[in-house]
PDB file of N, CA and C in Angstrom:
ATOM      1  N   MET A   1       1.559  28.223  10.791  1.00  0.00           N
ATOM      2  CA  MET A   1       1.620  27.098   9.924  1.00  0.00           C
ATOM      3  C   MET A   1       2.406  27.269   8.458  1.00  0.00           C
ATOM      4  N   SER A   2       3.351  26.611   8.255  1.00  0.00           N
ATOM      5  CA  SER A   2       4.314  26.627   6.984  1.00  0.00           C
ATOM      6  C   SER A   2       3.757  25.824   5.890  1.00  0.00           C
ATOM      7  N   THR A   3       4.043  26.449   4.581  1.00  0.00           N
ATOM      8  CA  THR A   3       3.661  25.613   3.353  1.00  0.00           C
ATOM      9  C   THR A   3       4.994  25.143   2.829  1.00  0.00           C
ATOM     10  N   TYR A   4       5.227  23.866   2.445  1.00  0.00           N
ATOM     11  CA  TYR A   4       6.453  23.257   1.791  1.00  0.00           C
ATOM     12  C   TYR A   4       6.163  22.784   0.610  1.00  0.00           C
ATOM     13  N   ARG A   5       7.333  23.161  -0.619  1.00  0.00           N
ATOM     14  CA  ARG A   5       7.201  22.520  -1.808  1.00  0.00           C
ATOM     15  C   ARG A   5       8.200  21.516  -1.931  1.00  0.00           C
ATOM     16  N   ILE A   6       7.813  20.477  -2.527  1.00  0.00           N
ATOM     17  CA  ILE A   6       8.405  19.233  -2.413  1.00  0.00           C
ATOM     18  C   ILE A   6       9.000  18.991  -4.039  1.00  0.00           C
ATOM     19  N   THR A   7      10.230  18.521  -4.309  1.00  0.00           N
ATOM     20  CA  THR A   7      10.921  18.409  -5.442  1.00  0.00           C
ATOM     21  C   THR A   7      11.649  17.240  -5.039  1.00  0.00           C
ATOM     22  N   ILE A   8      11.424  15.975  -6.224  1.00  0.00           N
ATOM     23  CA  ILE A   8      12.252  14.778  -6.249  1.00  0.00           C
ATOM     24  C   ILE A   8      13.153  14.781  -7.419  1.00  0.00           C
ATOM     25  N   ASP A   9      14.235  14.293  -7.233  1.00  0.00           N
ATOM     26  CA  ASP A   9      15.264  14.301  -8.462  1.00  0.00           C
ATOM     27  C   ASP A   9      15.083  12.791  -8.662  1.00  0.00           C
ATOM     28  N   ARG A  10      14.421  12.428  -9.724  1.00  0.00           N
ATOM     29  CA  ARG A  10      13.979  10.914 -10.086  1.00  0.00           C
ATOM     30  C   ARG A  10      15.109  10.018 -10.625  1.00  0.00           C
ATOM     31  N   SER A  11      16.314  11.017 -11.005  1.00  0.00           N
ATOM     32  CA  SER A  11      17.390  10.286 -11.400  1.00  0.00           C
ATOM     33  C   SER A  11      18.312   9.613 -10.371  1.00  0.00           C
ATOM     34  N   VAL A  12      18.206   9.973  -9.327  1.00  0.00           N
ATOM     35  CA  VAL A  12      19.017   9.355  -8.135  1.00  0.00           C
ATOM     36  C   VAL A  12      18.126   8.781  -6.834  1.00  0.00           C
ATOM     37  N   CYS A  13      16.763   8.666  -7.251  1.00  0.00           N
ATOM     38  CA  CYS A  13      15.747   7.850  -6.444  1.00  0.00           C
ATOM     39  C   CYS A  13      15.892   6.240  -6.717  1.00  0.00           C
ATOM     40  N   SER A  14      16.104   5.340  -5.659  1.00  0.00           N
ATOM     41  CA  SER A  14      16.286   3.795  -5.816  1.00  0.00           C
ATOM     42  C   SER A  14      15.275   3.337  -5.519  1.00  0.00           C
ATOM     43  N   GLY A  15      13.905   4.159  -4.900  1.00  0.00           N
ATOM     44  CA  GLY A  15      12.640   3.590  -4.748  1.00  0.00           C
ATOM     45  C   GLY A  15      12.393   2.753  -3.294  1.00  0.00           C
ATOM     46  N   PHE A  16      13.392   3.398  -2.151  1.00  0.00           N
ATOM     47  CA  PHE A  16      13.290   2.524  -1.026  1.00  0.00           C
ATOM     48  C   PHE A  16      11.704   2.687  -0.389  1.00  0.00           C
ATOM     49  N   GLY A  17      11.208   3.837  -0.661  1.00  0.00           N
ATOM     50  CA  GLY A  17       9.727   3.930  -0.342  1.00  0.00           C
ATOM     51  C   GLY A  17       9.588   4.535   1.116  1.00  0.00           C
ATOM     52  N   SER A  18      10.808   4.900   1.815  1.00  0.00           N
ATOM     53  CA  SER A  18      10.427   5.325   3.327  1.00  0.00           C
ATOM     54  C   SER A  18       9.552   7.160   3.064  1.00  0.00           C
ATOM     55  N   CYS A  19       9.929   7.432   2.107  1.00  0.00           N
ATOM     56  CA  CYS A  19       8.910   8.710   1.712  1.00  0.00           C
ATOM     57  C   CYS A  19       7.512   8.532   1.988  1.00  0.00           C
ATOM     58  N   ALA A  20       7.062   7.531   1.279  1.00  0.00           N
ATOM     59  CA  ALA A  20       5.694   6.904   1.162  1.00  0.00           C
ATOM     60  C   ALA A  20       5.303   6.246   2.437  1.00  0.00           C
ATOM     61  N   ASP A  21       6.194   5.812   3.194  1.00  0.00           N
ATOM     62  CA  ASP A  21       5.781   5.020   4.333  1.00  0.00           C
ATOM     63  C   ASP A  21       5.418   6.230   5.310  1.00  0.00           C
ATOM     64  N   LEU A  22       6.166   7.718   5.490  1.00  0.00           N
ATOM     65  CA  LEU A  22       6.209   8.448   6.310  1.00  0.00           C
ATOM     66  C   LEU A  22       5.003   9.563   6.032  1.00  0.00           C
ATOM     67  N   ALA A  23       4.993   9.729   4.856  1.00  0.00           N
ATOM     68  CA  ALA A  23       3.984  10.749   4.383  1.00  0.00           C
ATOM     69  C   ALA A  23       3.005  10.155   2.992  1.00  0.00           C
ATOM     70  N   PRO A  24       2.326   9.217   3.420  1.00  0.00           N
ATOM     71  CA  PRO A  24       1.534   8.784   1.981  1.00  0.00           C
ATOM     72  C   PRO A  24       0.764   9.664   1.307  1.00  0.00           C
ATOM     73  N   GLN A  25       0.166  10.713   1.908  1.00  0.00           N
ATOM     74  CA  GLN A  25      -0.711  11.661   1.176  1.00  0.00           C
ATOM     75  C   GLN A  25       0.043  12.592   0.220  1.00  0.00           C
ATOM     76  N   ALA A  26       1.609  12.547   0.459  1.00  0.00           N
ATOM     77  CA  ALA A  26       2.448  13.347  -0.306  1.00  0.00           C
ATOM     78  C   ALA A  26       3.270  12.527  -1.315  1.00  0.00           C
ATOM     79  N   PHE A  27       3.668  11.327  -0.990  1.00  0.00           N
ATOM     80  CA  PHE A  27       4.639  10.444  -1.833  1.00  0.00           C
ATOM     81  C   PHE A  27       3.978   9.020  -2.209  1.00  0.00           C
ATOM     82  N   ALA A  28       4.366   8.769  -3.332  1.00  0.00           N
ATOM     83  CA  ALA A  28       4.196   7.234  -3.715  1.00  0.00           C
ATOM     84  C   ALA A  28       5.262   6.937  -4.567  1.00  0.00           C
ATOM     85  N   VAL A  29       5.449   5.370  -4.426  1.00  0.00           N
ATOM     86  CA  VAL A  29       6.321   4.665  -5.428  1.00  0.00           C
ATOM     87  C   VAL A  29       5.687   4.096  -6.454  1.00  0.00           C
ATOM     88  N   GLY A  30       5.968   4.455  -7.673  1.00  0.00           N
ATOM     89  CA  GLY A  30       5.177   4.078  -8.793  1.00  0.00           C
ATOM     90  C   GLY A  30       5.490   2.780  -9.306  1.00  0.00           C
ATOM     91  N   ALA A  31       4.956   2.097 -10.392  1.00  0.00           N
ATOM     92  CA  ALA A  31       5.030   0.765 -10.618  1.00  0.00           C
ATOM     93  C   ALA A  31       6.667   0.572 -11.405  1.00  0.00           C
ATOM     94  N   ASP A  32       7.141   1.812 -11.516  1.00  0.00           N
ATOM     95  CA  ASP A  32       8.714   1.989 -12.149  1.00  0.00           C
ATOM     96  C   ASP A  32       9.242   1.994 -11.019  1.00  0.00           C
ATOM     97  N   GLY A  33       9.042   2.000  -9.911  1.00  0.00           N
ATOM     98  CA  GLY A  33       9.767   1.755  -8.546  1.00  0.00           C
ATOM     99  C   GLY A  33      10.833   3.118  -8.147  1.00  0.00           C
ATOM    100  N   ILE A  34      10.013   4.309  -8.907  1.00  0.00           N
ATOM    101  CA  ILE A  34      10.387   5.468  -8.533  1.00  0.00           C
ATOM    102  C   ILE A  34       9.595   6.386  -7.783  1.00  0.00           C
ATOM    103  N   ALA A  35      10.042   7.144  -6.643  1.00  0.00           N
ATOM    104  CA  ALA A  35       9.201   7.917  -6.056  1.00  0.00           C
ATOM    105  C   ALA A  35       8.563   8.939  -6.707  1.00  0.00           C
ATOM    106  N   THR A  36       7.283   9.414  -6.381  1.00  0.00           N
ATOM    107  CA  THR A  36       6.645  10.493  -7.194  1.00  0.00           C
ATOM    108  C   THR A  36       5.896  11.367  -6.179  1.00  0.00           C
ATOM    109  N   ALA A  37       6.095  12.620  -6.304  1.00  0.00           N
ATOM    110  CA  ALA A  37       5.148  13.533  -5.441  1.00  0.00           C
ATOM    111  C   ALA A  37       3.948  13.804  -5.904  1.00  0.00           C
ATOM    112  N   LEU A  38       3.017  13.194  -4.899  1.00  0.00           N
ATOM    113  CA  LEU A  38       1.651  13.256  -5.150  1.00  0.00           C
ATOM    114  C   LEU A  38       1.017  14.830  -5.091  1.00  0.00           C
ATOM    115  N   VAL A  39       1.693  15.731  -4.488  1.00  0.00           N
ATOM    116  CA  VAL A  39       1.340  17.088  -4.161  1.00  0.00           C
ATOM    117  C   VAL A  39       2.646  17.990  -4.716  1.00  0.00           C
ATOM    118  N   VAL A  40       2.574  19.089  -4.880  1.00  0.00           N
ATOM    119  CA  VAL A  40       3.586  19.996  -5.264  1.00  0.00           C
ATOM    120  C   VAL A  40       3.984  20.897  -3.911  1.00  0.00           C
ATOM    121  N   GLU A  41       2.713  21.287  -3.162  1.00  0.00           N
ATOM    122  CA  GLU A  41       2.888  22.019  -2.037  1.00  0.00           C
ATOM    123  C   GLU A  41       2.082  21.558  -0.936  1.00  0.00           C
ATOM    124  N   THR A  42       2.541  21.431   0.137  1.00  0.00           N
ATOM    125  CA  THR A  42       1.737  20.889   1.378  1.00  0.00           C
ATOM    126  C   THR A  42       1.978  21.581   2.804  1.00  0.00           C
ATOM    127  N   ASP A  43       1.036  21.604   3.519  1.00  0.00           N
ATOM    128  CA  ASP A  43       1.571  22.163   4.983  1.00  0.00           C
ATOM    129  C   ASP A  43       1.601  21.053   5.957  1.00  0.00           C
ATOM    130  N   ASP A  44       1.839  19.939   5.435  1.00  0.00           N
ATOM    131  CA  ASP A  44       1.993  18.610   6.241  1.00  0.00           C
ATOM    132  C   ASP A  44       3.613  18.464   6.693  1.00  0.00           C
ATOM    133  N   PRO A  45       3.859  18.863   7.801  1.00  0.00           N
ATOM    134  CA  PRO A  45       5.174  18.834   8.382  1.00  0.00           C
ATOM    135  C   PRO A  45       6.051  17.154   8.325  1.00  0.00           C
ATOM    136  N   ALA A  46       4.906  16.375   7.987  1.00  0.00           N
ATOM    137  CA  ALA A  46       5.502  14.856   7.757  1.00  0.00           C
ATOM    138  C   ALA A  46       6.534  14.703   6.420  1.00  0.00           C
ATOM    139  N   VAL A  47       6.201  15.693   5.698  1.00  0.00           N
ATOM    140  CA  VAL A  47       7.180  15.704   4.515  1.00  0.00           C
ATOM    141  C   VAL A  47       8.616  16.071   4.781  1.00  0.00           C
ATOM    142  N   LEU A  48       8.914  16.796   5.881  1.00  0.00           N
ATOM    143  CA  LEU A  48      10.364  17.017   6.513  1.00  0.00           C
ATOM    144  C   LEU A  48      10.961  15.618   6.816  1.00  0.00           C
ATOM    145  N   ASP A  49      10.217  14.822   7.506  1.00  0.00           N
ATOM    146  CA  ASP A  49      10.744  13.376   8.070  1.00  0.00           C
ATOM    147  C   ASP A  49      10.964  12.475   6.839  1.00  0.00           C
ATOM    148  N   ALA A  50       9.853  12.664   5.865  1.00  0.00           N
ATOM    149  CA  ALA A  50       9.899  11.830   4.599  1.00  0.00           C
ATOM    150  C   ALA A  50      11.238  12.126   3.847  1.00  0.00           C
ATOM    151  N   ALA A  51      11.573  13.372   3.632  1.00  0.00           N
ATOM    152  CA  ALA A  51      12.685  13.884   2.750  1.00  0.00           C
ATOM    153  C   ALA A  51      13.916  13.451   3.541  1.00  0.00           C
ATOM    154  N   ALA A  52      13.984  13.611   5.005  1.00  0.00           N
ATOM    155  CA  ALA A  52      15.109  13.381   5.643  1.00  0.00           C
ATOM    156  C   ALA A  52      15.322  11.841   5.744  1.00  0.00           C
ATOM    157  N   SER A  53      14.522  10.950   5.612  1.00  0.00           N
ATOM    158  CA  SER A  53      14.379   9.611   5.530  1.00  0.00           C
ATOM    159  C   SER A  53      15.164   8.814   4.122  1.00  0.00           C
ATOM    160  N   CYS A  54      15.204   9.613   2.983  1.00  0.00           N
ATOM    161  CA  CYS A  54      15.545   9.535   1.949  1.00  0.00           C
ATOM    162  C   CYS A  54      17.105   9.095   1.952  1.00  0.00           C
ATOM    163  N   PRO A  55      17.350   7.526   1.757  1.00  0.00           N
ATOM    164  CA  PRO A  55      19.080   7.264   1.724  1.00  0.00           C
ATOM    165  C   PRO A  55      19.661   8.035   0.420  1.00  0.00           C
ATOM    166  N   MET A  56      18.931   8.381  -0.282  1.00  0.00           N
ATOM    167  CA  MET A  56      19.668   8.765  -1.455  1.00  0.00           C
ATOM    168  C   MET A  56      19.592  10.419  -1.720  1.00  0.00           C
ATOM    169  N   ALA A  57      19.017  10.948  -0.742  1.00  0.00           N
ATOM    170  CA  ALA A  57      18.928  12.500  -0.533  1.00  0.00           C
ATOM    171  C   ALA A  57      18.309  13.109  -1.878  1.00  0.00           C
ATOM    172  N   ALA A  58      17.195  12.342  -2.338  1.00  0.00           N
ATOM    173  CA  ALA A  58      16.525  12.560  -3.771  1.00  0.00           C
ATOM    174  C   ALA A  58      15.308  13.646  -3.713  1.00  0.00           C
ATOM    175  N   ILE A  59      15.004  13.777  -2.277  1.00  0.00           N
ATOM    176  CA  ILE A  59      13.839  14.731  -2.031  1.00  0.00           C
ATOM    177  C   ILE A  59      14.323  16.021  -1.375  1.00  0.00           C
ATOM    178  N   THR A  60      13.778  17.219  -2.019  1.00  0.00           N
ATOM    179  CA  THR A  60      14.011  18.388  -1.420  1.00  0.00           C
ATOM    180  C   THR A  60      12.871  19.184  -0.937  1.00  0.00           C
ATOM    181  N   VAL A  61      12.855  19.593   0.341  1.00  0.00           N
ATOM    182  CA  VAL A  61      11.584  20.167   0.785  1.00  0.00           C
ATOM    183  C   VAL A  61      12.122  21.493   1.029  1.00  0.00           C
ATOM    184  N   GLU A  62      11.316  22.546   0.708  1.00  0.00           N
ATOM    185  CA  GLU A  62      11.453  23.703   0.881  1.00  0.00           C
ATOM    186  C   GLU A  62      10.387  24.676   1.395  1.00  0.00           C
ATOM    187  N   GLU A  63      10.667  25.626   2.558  1.00  0.00           N
ATOM    188  CA  GLU A  63       9.845  26.075   2.953  1.00  0.00           C
ATOM    189  C   GLU A  63       9.103  27.392   2.398  1.00  0.00           C
ATOM    190  N   VAL A  64       8.134  27.328   1.725  1.00  0.00           N
ATOM    191  CA  VAL A  64       7.716  28.593   0.982  1.00  0.00           C
ATOM    192  C   VAL A  64       6.663  29.650   1.419  1.00  0.00           C
ATOM    193  N   GLY A  65       6.093  29.280   2.525  1.00  0.00           N
ATOM    194  CA  GLY A  65       5.435  30.090   3.193  1.00  0.00           C
ATOM    195  C   GLY A  65       4.983  29.973   4.642  1.00  0.00           C
ATOM    196  N   LYS A  66       4.779  30.894   5.536  1.00  0.00           N
ATOM    197  CA  LYS A  66       4.356  30.549   6.824  1.00  0.00           C
ATOM    198  C   LYS A  66       3.427  31.730   7.126  1.00  0.00           C
ATOM    199  N   GLN A  67       2.348  31.134   7.804  1.00  0.00           N
ATOM    200  CA  GLN A  67       1.181  31.664   8.031  1.00  0.00           C
ATOM    201  C   GLN A  67       1.190  31.788   9.865  1.00  0.00           C
ATOM    202  N   GLU A  68       0.976  32.822  10.345  1.00  0.00           N
ATOM    203  CA  GLU A  68       0.840  32.805  11.746  1.00  0.00           C
ATOM    204  C   GLU A  68      -0.704  32.128  12.038  1.00  0.00           C
ATOM    205  N   ALA A  69      -0.888  31.584  13.242  1.00  0.00           N
ATOM    206  CA  ALA A  69      -2.047  30.884  13.630  1.00  0.00           C
ATOM    207  C   ALA A  69      -3.186  32.301  14.021  1.00  0.00           C
ATOM    208  N   ALA A  70      -4.211  32.147  13.823  1.00  0.00           N
ATOM    209  CA  ALA A  70      -5.212  33.451  14.250  1.00  0.00           C
ATOM    210  C   ALA A  70      -5.730  33.337  15.657  1.00  0.00           C
TER     211      ALA A  70
END
């Protein structure tokens, strides 16, 4: 299982919200219309699809750890 670190460049986010639709436990669009990461790190692979869906490429997801299944 992998662990992913989420970074959002809020200066380029346009608030399309696809990230929050695909990974609502990790992303939300605030009242200002800009996406926010609800967590800094997660093991949910849905964040990869959420980042890929961002039309502004404002989201970076890095794999920071991988743990073998026991």
